[in-house]
Amino acid sequence: MTTTIQTSPSFSSQLVNGLLSIKPLANLAKHQARKMMIQRAEKIGVFWHKEVQTLQKRDWEADLAQVKNPELVYPDYYVRSFHAYEEGNLGWEPAWEVEVAAQAVHARIWPDAGAQGDAQLRQSYHDVLKPALAEMPQDILDLGCSVGMSTLALQALYPEAKITGVDLSPYFLAVARYRAQERSTNIHWVHAAAESTGLPDASYDLVSTFLMLHELPQSATKQILSEARRLLRPNGYLAIMDMNPNSEIFSKMPPYILTLLKSTEPYLDEYFSLNIEQVLVEAGFTTPTITQNSPRHRTVIAKVR
């Protein structure tokens, strides 16, 4: 039996959705969410404006030309506002701000983590992932790799592996390519949809996705899990690190903060109502293990069935 898409939000979420359906209120929420993020970054010593200005000064056209697939047709769910950017992920400003935003957002996961919160989150994922794999992966795919922070972290964890990063935003991939060059790291970057990568069957030992699924409608998630199954070799692993819908932090989140969060994450209701165990089994994986790796994140690991 195939899962149906479940998207029924809680009563508080329905109230927030009602507020966000009013365009001026939605815009105000996005503006406030962005303002709070920048203020937090500056407070913890992540100099948002300075870091972004440094990237702005660079000529990015060559990097963009190297990674962009001009034939790619973007799925409808992707061509919309994300993270308080009207252009979503299809622009330079969101690409230049990913790294500082990640540091700001993850600064409060653990008490006093500050600017190291993002690095701690990635390490907490790897602390769960590495012992779960029976063998060292030789070929790794990072789906939804963004500007390469998760990809470079995987390369550091598995320095002998061949690693490929896939993302829908050519702007993100241009920054990822630049960061990899800074570290003299050879990573293959692919501009494609995670649900239709165009990569060969059974080419990877590990497919990893880091903070991607909460940005997707359930229909896309199910397609991506099927694509991951196609790309994995026998006995290969799929690893997912993302928000934990069962975390008390989200269930007890004040309506004001929930409004700010949902104003930047349009598919959060669909993600929170997703039965990840069931959709993974339907996609051809074993029943996954689910491990809490931070107060508000979980790591889901499943093996090819």
Protein backbone atom coordinates (compact mmCIF):
# COMPACT_ATOMS: atom_id res chain seq x y z
CA MET A 1 0.00 0.00 0.00
CA THR A 2 1.28 3.47 -0.86
CA THR A 3 1.26 6.33 1.61
CA THR A 4 -1.04 9.22 0.98
CA ILE A 5 0.20 12.74 1.50
CA GLN A 6 -0.61 13.91 5.01
CA THR A 7 -0.33 17.62 5.61
CA SER A 8 -2.82 18.40 8.39
CA PRO A 9 -1.16 20.98 10.65
CA SER A 10 -1.86 21.47 14.35
CA PHE A 11 -4.33 24.12 15.49
CA SER A 12 -1.53 26.56 16.33
CA SER A 13 0.02 25.92 12.92
CA GLN A 14 -3.33 26.60 11.26
CA LEU A 15 -3.50 29.95 13.05
CA VAL A 16 0.02 30.77 11.88
CA ASN A 17 -0.87 29.70 8.32
CA GLY A 18 -3.84 32.05 8.44
CA LEU A 19 -1.60 34.95 9.40
CA LEU A 20 0.93 34.11 6.71
CA SER A 21 -1.78 33.99 4.06
CA ILE A 22 -2.02 37.77 4.49
CA LYS A 23 0.76 39.06 2.24
CA PRO A 24 1.79 42.15 4.28
CA LEU A 25 1.99 40.05 7.45
CA ALA A 26 3.99 37.36 5.65
CA ASN A 27 6.44 39.95 4.36
CA LEU A 28 6.76 41.48 7.82
CA ALA A 29 7.47 38.04 9.32
CA LYS A 30 10.14 37.33 6.72
CA HIS A 31 11.76 40.70 7.34
CA GLN A 32 11.75 40.15 11.09
CA ALA A 33 13.13 36.62 10.78
CA ARG A 34 16.01 37.86 8.63
CA LYS A 35 16.71 40.80 10.94
CA MET A 36 16.89 38.52 13.99
CA MET A 37 19.25 36.14 12.17
CA ILE A 38 21.67 38.92 11.20
CA GLN A 39 21.62 40.38 14.71
CA ARG A 40 22.34 36.97 16.23
CA ALA A 41 25.22 36.41 13.82
CA GLU A 42 26.87 39.72 14.68
CA LYS A 43 26.35 39.07 18.39
CA ILE A 44 28.24 35.76 18.31
CA GLY A 45 31.12 37.15 16.26
CA VAL A 46 29.98 36.06 12.82
CA PHE A 47 30.30 39.29 10.90
CA TRP A 48 27.48 38.80 8.43
CA HIS A 49 27.86 41.98 6.38
CA LYS A 50 31.65 41.76 6.16
CA GLU A 51 31.61 38.10 5.09
CA VAL A 52 28.95 38.71 2.44
CA GLN A 53 30.73 41.79 1.11
CA THR A 54 33.91 39.75 0.65
CA LEU A 55 32.03 37.27 -1.52
CA GLN A 56 30.24 40.03 -3.41
CA LYS A 57 33.54 41.50 -4.60
CA ARG A 58 34.50 38.34 -6.44
CA ASP A 59 33.74 37.74 -10.13
CA TRP A 60 31.50 34.66 -10.09
CA GLU A 61 30.67 34.29 -13.76
CA ALA A 62 33.33 31.66 -14.52
CA ASP A 63 32.25 29.52 -11.56
CA LEU A 64 28.61 29.82 -12.57
CA ALA A 65 29.35 28.85 -16.16
CA GLN A 66 31.26 25.76 -14.99
CA VAL A 67 28.37 24.35 -12.95
CA LYS A 68 25.15 25.60 -14.56
CA ASN A 69 23.03 23.29 -16.68
CA PRO A 70 21.17 25.67 -19.03
CA GLU A 71 18.76 22.89 -20.04
CA LEU A 72 17.50 22.26 -16.52
CA VAL A 73 13.80 22.89 -15.91
CA TYR A 74 13.13 23.81 -12.29
CA PRO A 75 10.27 22.00 -10.51
CA ASP A 76 7.36 24.20 -9.49
CA TYR A 77 7.93 23.70 -5.77
CA TYR A 78 11.40 25.22 -6.10
CA VAL A 79 10.47 28.41 -7.91
CA ARG A 80 9.13 30.30 -4.91
CA SER A 81 10.23 32.30 -1.90
CA PHE A 82 12.50 30.50 0.57
CA HIS A 83 14.34 31.74 3.66
CA ALA A 84 13.05 35.32 3.31
CA TYR A 85 14.40 35.65 -0.25
CA GLU A 86 11.80 36.42 -2.90
CA GLU A 87 13.98 34.67 -5.50
CA GLY A 88 14.22 31.63 -3.25
CA ASN A 89 17.51 29.83 -3.83
CA LEU A 90 17.94 31.13 -7.37
CA GLY A 91 20.08 34.19 -6.76
CA TRP A 92 23.45 35.41 -5.54
CA GLU A 93 22.30 36.94 -2.26
CA PRO A 94 20.97 33.65 -0.81
CA ALA A 95 24.10 31.86 -2.04
CA TRP A 96 26.47 34.36 -0.41
CA GLU A 97 24.57 34.25 2.87
CA VAL A 98 24.16 30.48 3.39
CA GLU A 99 27.28 30.04 5.51
CA VAL A 100 26.71 32.95 7.88
CA ALA A 101 23.01 32.08 8.13
CA ALA A 102 23.84 28.49 9.11
CA GLN A 103 26.13 29.72 11.86
CA ALA A 104 23.47 32.09 13.16
CA VAL A 105 20.60 29.58 13.02
CA HIS A 106 22.58 26.82 14.74
CA ALA A 107 24.18 29.01 17.41
CA ARG A 108 21.52 28.15 19.97
CA ILE A 109 21.18 24.40 19.47
CA TRP A 110 23.40 23.81 22.49
CA PRO A 111 23.92 26.26 25.37
CA ASP A 112 26.85 28.58 24.71
CA ALA A 113 27.68 26.92 21.37
CA GLY A 114 27.73 30.27 19.62
CA ALA A 115 29.52 30.34 16.28
CA GLN A 116 30.58 26.69 16.76
CA GLY A 117 26.99 25.43 16.83
CA ASP A 118 26.93 24.67 13.12
CA ALA A 119 30.17 22.69 13.25
CA GLN A 120 28.86 20.80 16.30
CA LEU A 121 25.67 19.92 14.45
CA ARG A 122 27.60 18.48 11.50
CA GLN A 123 29.86 16.56 13.87
CA SER A 124 26.85 15.16 15.75
CA TYR A 125 25.54 13.81 12.43
CA HIS A 126 28.86 12.19 11.59
CA ASP A 127 29.09 10.70 15.09
CA VAL A 128 25.89 8.79 14.31
CA LEU A 129 26.67 8.08 10.65
CA LYS A 130 30.18 6.66 10.76
CA PRO A 131 29.57 3.77 13.23
CA ALA A 132 26.37 2.82 11.36
CA LEU A 133 28.15 1.96 8.10
CA ALA A 134 29.47 -1.59 7.82
CA GLU A 135 32.25 -0.54 5.43
CA MET A 136 34.04 2.66 4.48
CA PRO A 137 32.13 4.21 1.53
CA GLN A 138 34.15 4.70 -1.63
CA ASP A 139 31.60 6.74 -3.59
CA ILE A 140 29.39 9.29 -1.78
CA LEU A 141 26.57 11.46 -3.09
CA ASP A 142 25.48 14.60 -1.21
CA LEU A 143 21.93 15.41 -2.35
CA GLY A 144 20.87 19.02 -1.87
CA CYS A 145 24.47 20.01 -1.20
CA SER A 146 23.79 23.78 -1.14
CA VAL A 147 27.10 25.72 -1.02
CA GLY A 148 29.07 22.61 -0.16
CA MET A 149 29.31 22.84 3.62
CA SER A 150 27.90 19.33 4.06
CA THR A 151 29.91 18.03 1.08
CA LEU A 152 33.23 19.32 2.35
CA ALA A 153 32.43 17.92 5.81
CA LEU A 154 31.84 14.49 4.23
CA GLN A 155 35.13 14.81 2.34
CA ALA A 156 36.93 15.50 5.62
CA LEU A 157 35.25 12.48 7.21
CA TYR A 158 36.04 10.19 4.26
CA PRO A 159 39.16 11.67 2.62
CA GLU A 160 39.70 8.70 0.30
CA ALA A 161 36.16 8.69 -1.10
CA LYS A 162 35.02 10.15 -4.40
CA ILE A 163 32.29 12.67 -3.62
CA THR A 164 29.57 14.21 -5.77
CA GLY A 165 27.38 17.14 -4.75
CA VAL A 166 23.99 17.74 -6.38
CA ASP A 167 21.89 20.87 -6.04
CA LEU A 168 19.16 22.74 -7.93
CA SER A 169 20.72 26.18 -7.45
CA PRO A 170 23.62 26.99 -9.79
CA TYR A 171 24.44 29.96 -7.56
CA PHE A 172 24.89 27.68 -4.56
CA LEU A 173 27.02 25.32 -6.65
CA ALA A 174 29.22 28.19 -7.84
CA VAL A 175 30.02 29.05 -4.22
CA ALA A 176 30.52 25.34 -3.44
CA ARG A 177 33.00 25.03 -6.32
CA TYR A 178 34.92 28.07 -5.07
CA ARG A 179 35.09 26.73 -1.50
CA ALA A 180 36.33 23.36 -2.74
CA GLN A 181 39.03 25.06 -4.82
CA GLU A 182 40.13 27.03 -1.75
CA ARG A 183 40.75 23.69 -0.02
CA SER A 184 42.30 22.03 -3.11
CA THR A 185 39.55 19.42 -2.92
CA ASN A 186 38.31 17.59 -5.99
CA ILE A 187 34.51 17.26 -5.78
CA HIS A 188 32.18 16.64 -8.70
CA TRP A 189 29.35 19.21 -8.72
CA VAL A 190 26.11 18.46 -10.58
CA HIS A 191 23.36 20.99 -11.30
CA ALA A 192 20.24 18.81 -11.20
CA ALA A 193 17.08 18.03 -9.26
CA ALA A 194 17.60 15.51 -6.47
CA GLU A 195 14.62 13.52 -7.75
CA SER A 196 16.11 13.25 -11.25
CA THR A 197 19.89 13.52 -11.07
CA GLY A 198 20.75 11.87 -14.39
CA LEU A 199 23.53 9.94 -12.61
CA PRO A 200 24.11 6.22 -13.36
CA ASP A 201 22.32 3.41 -11.52
CA ALA A 202 24.04 1.77 -8.54
CA SER A 203 26.94 4.24 -8.47
CA TYR A 204 27.19 5.06 -4.75
CA ASP A 205 27.79 3.38 -1.42
CA LEU A 206 26.32 6.27 0.57
CA VAL A 207 23.73 8.91 -0.29
CA SER A 208 23.53 11.69 2.28
CA THR A 209 21.07 14.56 2.62
CA PHE A 210 21.67 17.28 5.18
CA LEU A 211 18.84 19.67 6.08
CA MET A 212 17.04 19.22 2.76
CA LEU A 213 13.82 17.29 3.35
CA HIS A 214 12.15 20.00 5.43
CA GLU A 215 12.32 22.24 2.35
CA LEU A 216 10.28 19.86 0.19
CA PRO A 217 6.66 18.90 -0.39
CA GLN A 218 6.00 15.25 0.40
CA SER A 219 5.55 14.37 -3.27
CA ALA A 220 9.12 15.52 -4.03
CA THR A 221 10.51 13.75 -0.97
CA LYS A 222 9.05 10.43 -2.10
CA GLN A 223 10.53 10.86 -5.58
CA ILE A 224 13.94 11.73 -4.10
CA LEU A 225 13.95 8.65 -1.88
CA SER A 226 13.20 6.50 -4.93
CA GLU A 227 16.02 8.20 -6.83
CA ALA A 228 18.40 7.57 -3.93
CA ARG A 229 17.43 3.89 -4.01
CA ARG A 230 18.21 3.75 -7.74
CA LEU A 231 21.60 5.36 -7.25
CA LEU A 232 22.74 3.13 -4.40
CA ARG A 233 24.63 -0.12 -4.82
CA PRO A 234 23.46 -3.33 -3.10
CA ASN A 235 23.96 -2.91 0.66
CA GLY A 236 24.32 0.85 0.21
CA TYR A 237 23.08 3.35 2.78
CA LEU A 238 20.88 6.43 2.76
CA ALA A 239 21.50 8.91 5.58
CA ILE A 240 19.21 11.84 6.33
CA MET A 241 19.96 14.60 8.86
CA ASP A 242 17.13 17.06 9.43
CA MET A 243 14.77 18.65 11.90
CA ASN A 244 13.17 16.26 14.36
CA PRO A 245 9.38 16.72 14.22
CA ASN A 246 9.11 14.93 17.57
CA SER A 247 11.38 17.37 19.37
CA GLU A 248 9.75 19.15 22.30
CA ILE A 249 11.41 22.34 21.09
CA PHE A 250 9.08 22.44 18.08
CA SER A 251 5.97 21.27 19.92
CA LYS A 252 6.44 23.98 22.58
CA MET A 253 7.58 26.74 20.23
CA PRO A 254 5.79 30.06 20.94
CA PRO A 255 3.38 31.11 18.15
CA TYR A 256 5.45 34.22 17.39
CA ILE A 257 8.62 32.20 16.76
CA LEU A 258 6.66 29.55 14.85
CA THR A 259 5.30 32.31 12.60
CA LEU A 260 8.81 33.56 11.85
CA LEU A 261 10.03 30.03 11.15
CA LYS A 262 7.16 29.10 8.86
CA SER A 263 7.41 32.40 6.98
CA THR A 264 10.78 31.16 5.67
CA GLU A 265 9.96 27.44 5.36
CA PRO A 266 6.87 26.99 3.14
CA TYR A 267 6.75 23.16 3.31
CA LEU A 268 7.23 22.70 7.04
CA ASP A 269 3.72 21.29 7.63
CA GLU A 270 4.28 18.63 4.99
CA TYR A 271 7.65 17.69 6.45
CA PHE A 272 6.39 17.49 10.04
CA SER A 273 3.52 15.21 9.02
CA LEU A 274 5.68 12.89 6.87
CA ASN A 275 5.89 9.25 7.98
CA ILE A 276 9.57 8.84 7.17
CA GLU A 277 9.73 5.16 8.16
CA GLN A 278 6.87 4.21 5.85
CA VAL A 279 8.03 6.17 2.81
CA LEU A 280 11.55 4.75 3.14
CA VAL A 281 10.26 1.17 3.23
CA GLU A 282 8.03 1.87 0.22
CA ALA A 283 11.05 3.28 -1.64
CA GLY A 284 12.95 0.01 -1.20
CA PHE A 285 14.88 0.51 2.03
CA THR A 286 14.99 -1.40 5.29
CA THR A 287 13.15 0.03 8.28
CA PRO A 288 15.41 2.92 9.29
CA THR A 289 17.16 3.64 12.54
CA ILE A 290 16.31 7.09 13.89
CA THR A 291 18.72 8.76 16.31
CA GLN A 292 18.40 12.15 17.95
CA ASN A 293 21.69 13.91 17.24
CA SER A 294 20.81 17.33 18.66
CA PRO A 295 18.03 18.73 20.82
CA ARG A 296 16.08 19.50 17.64
CA HIS A 297 17.56 17.27 14.91
CA ARG A 298 17.54 13.58 14.04
CA THR A 299 19.60 11.27 11.87
CA VAL A 300 17.73 8.66 9.85
CA ILE A 301 19.75 5.80 8.35
CA ALA A 302 18.35 3.11 6.08
CA LYS A 303 19.97 0.36 4.04
CA VAL A 304 19.03 -0.78 0.57
CA ARG A 305 16.61 -3.70 0.85
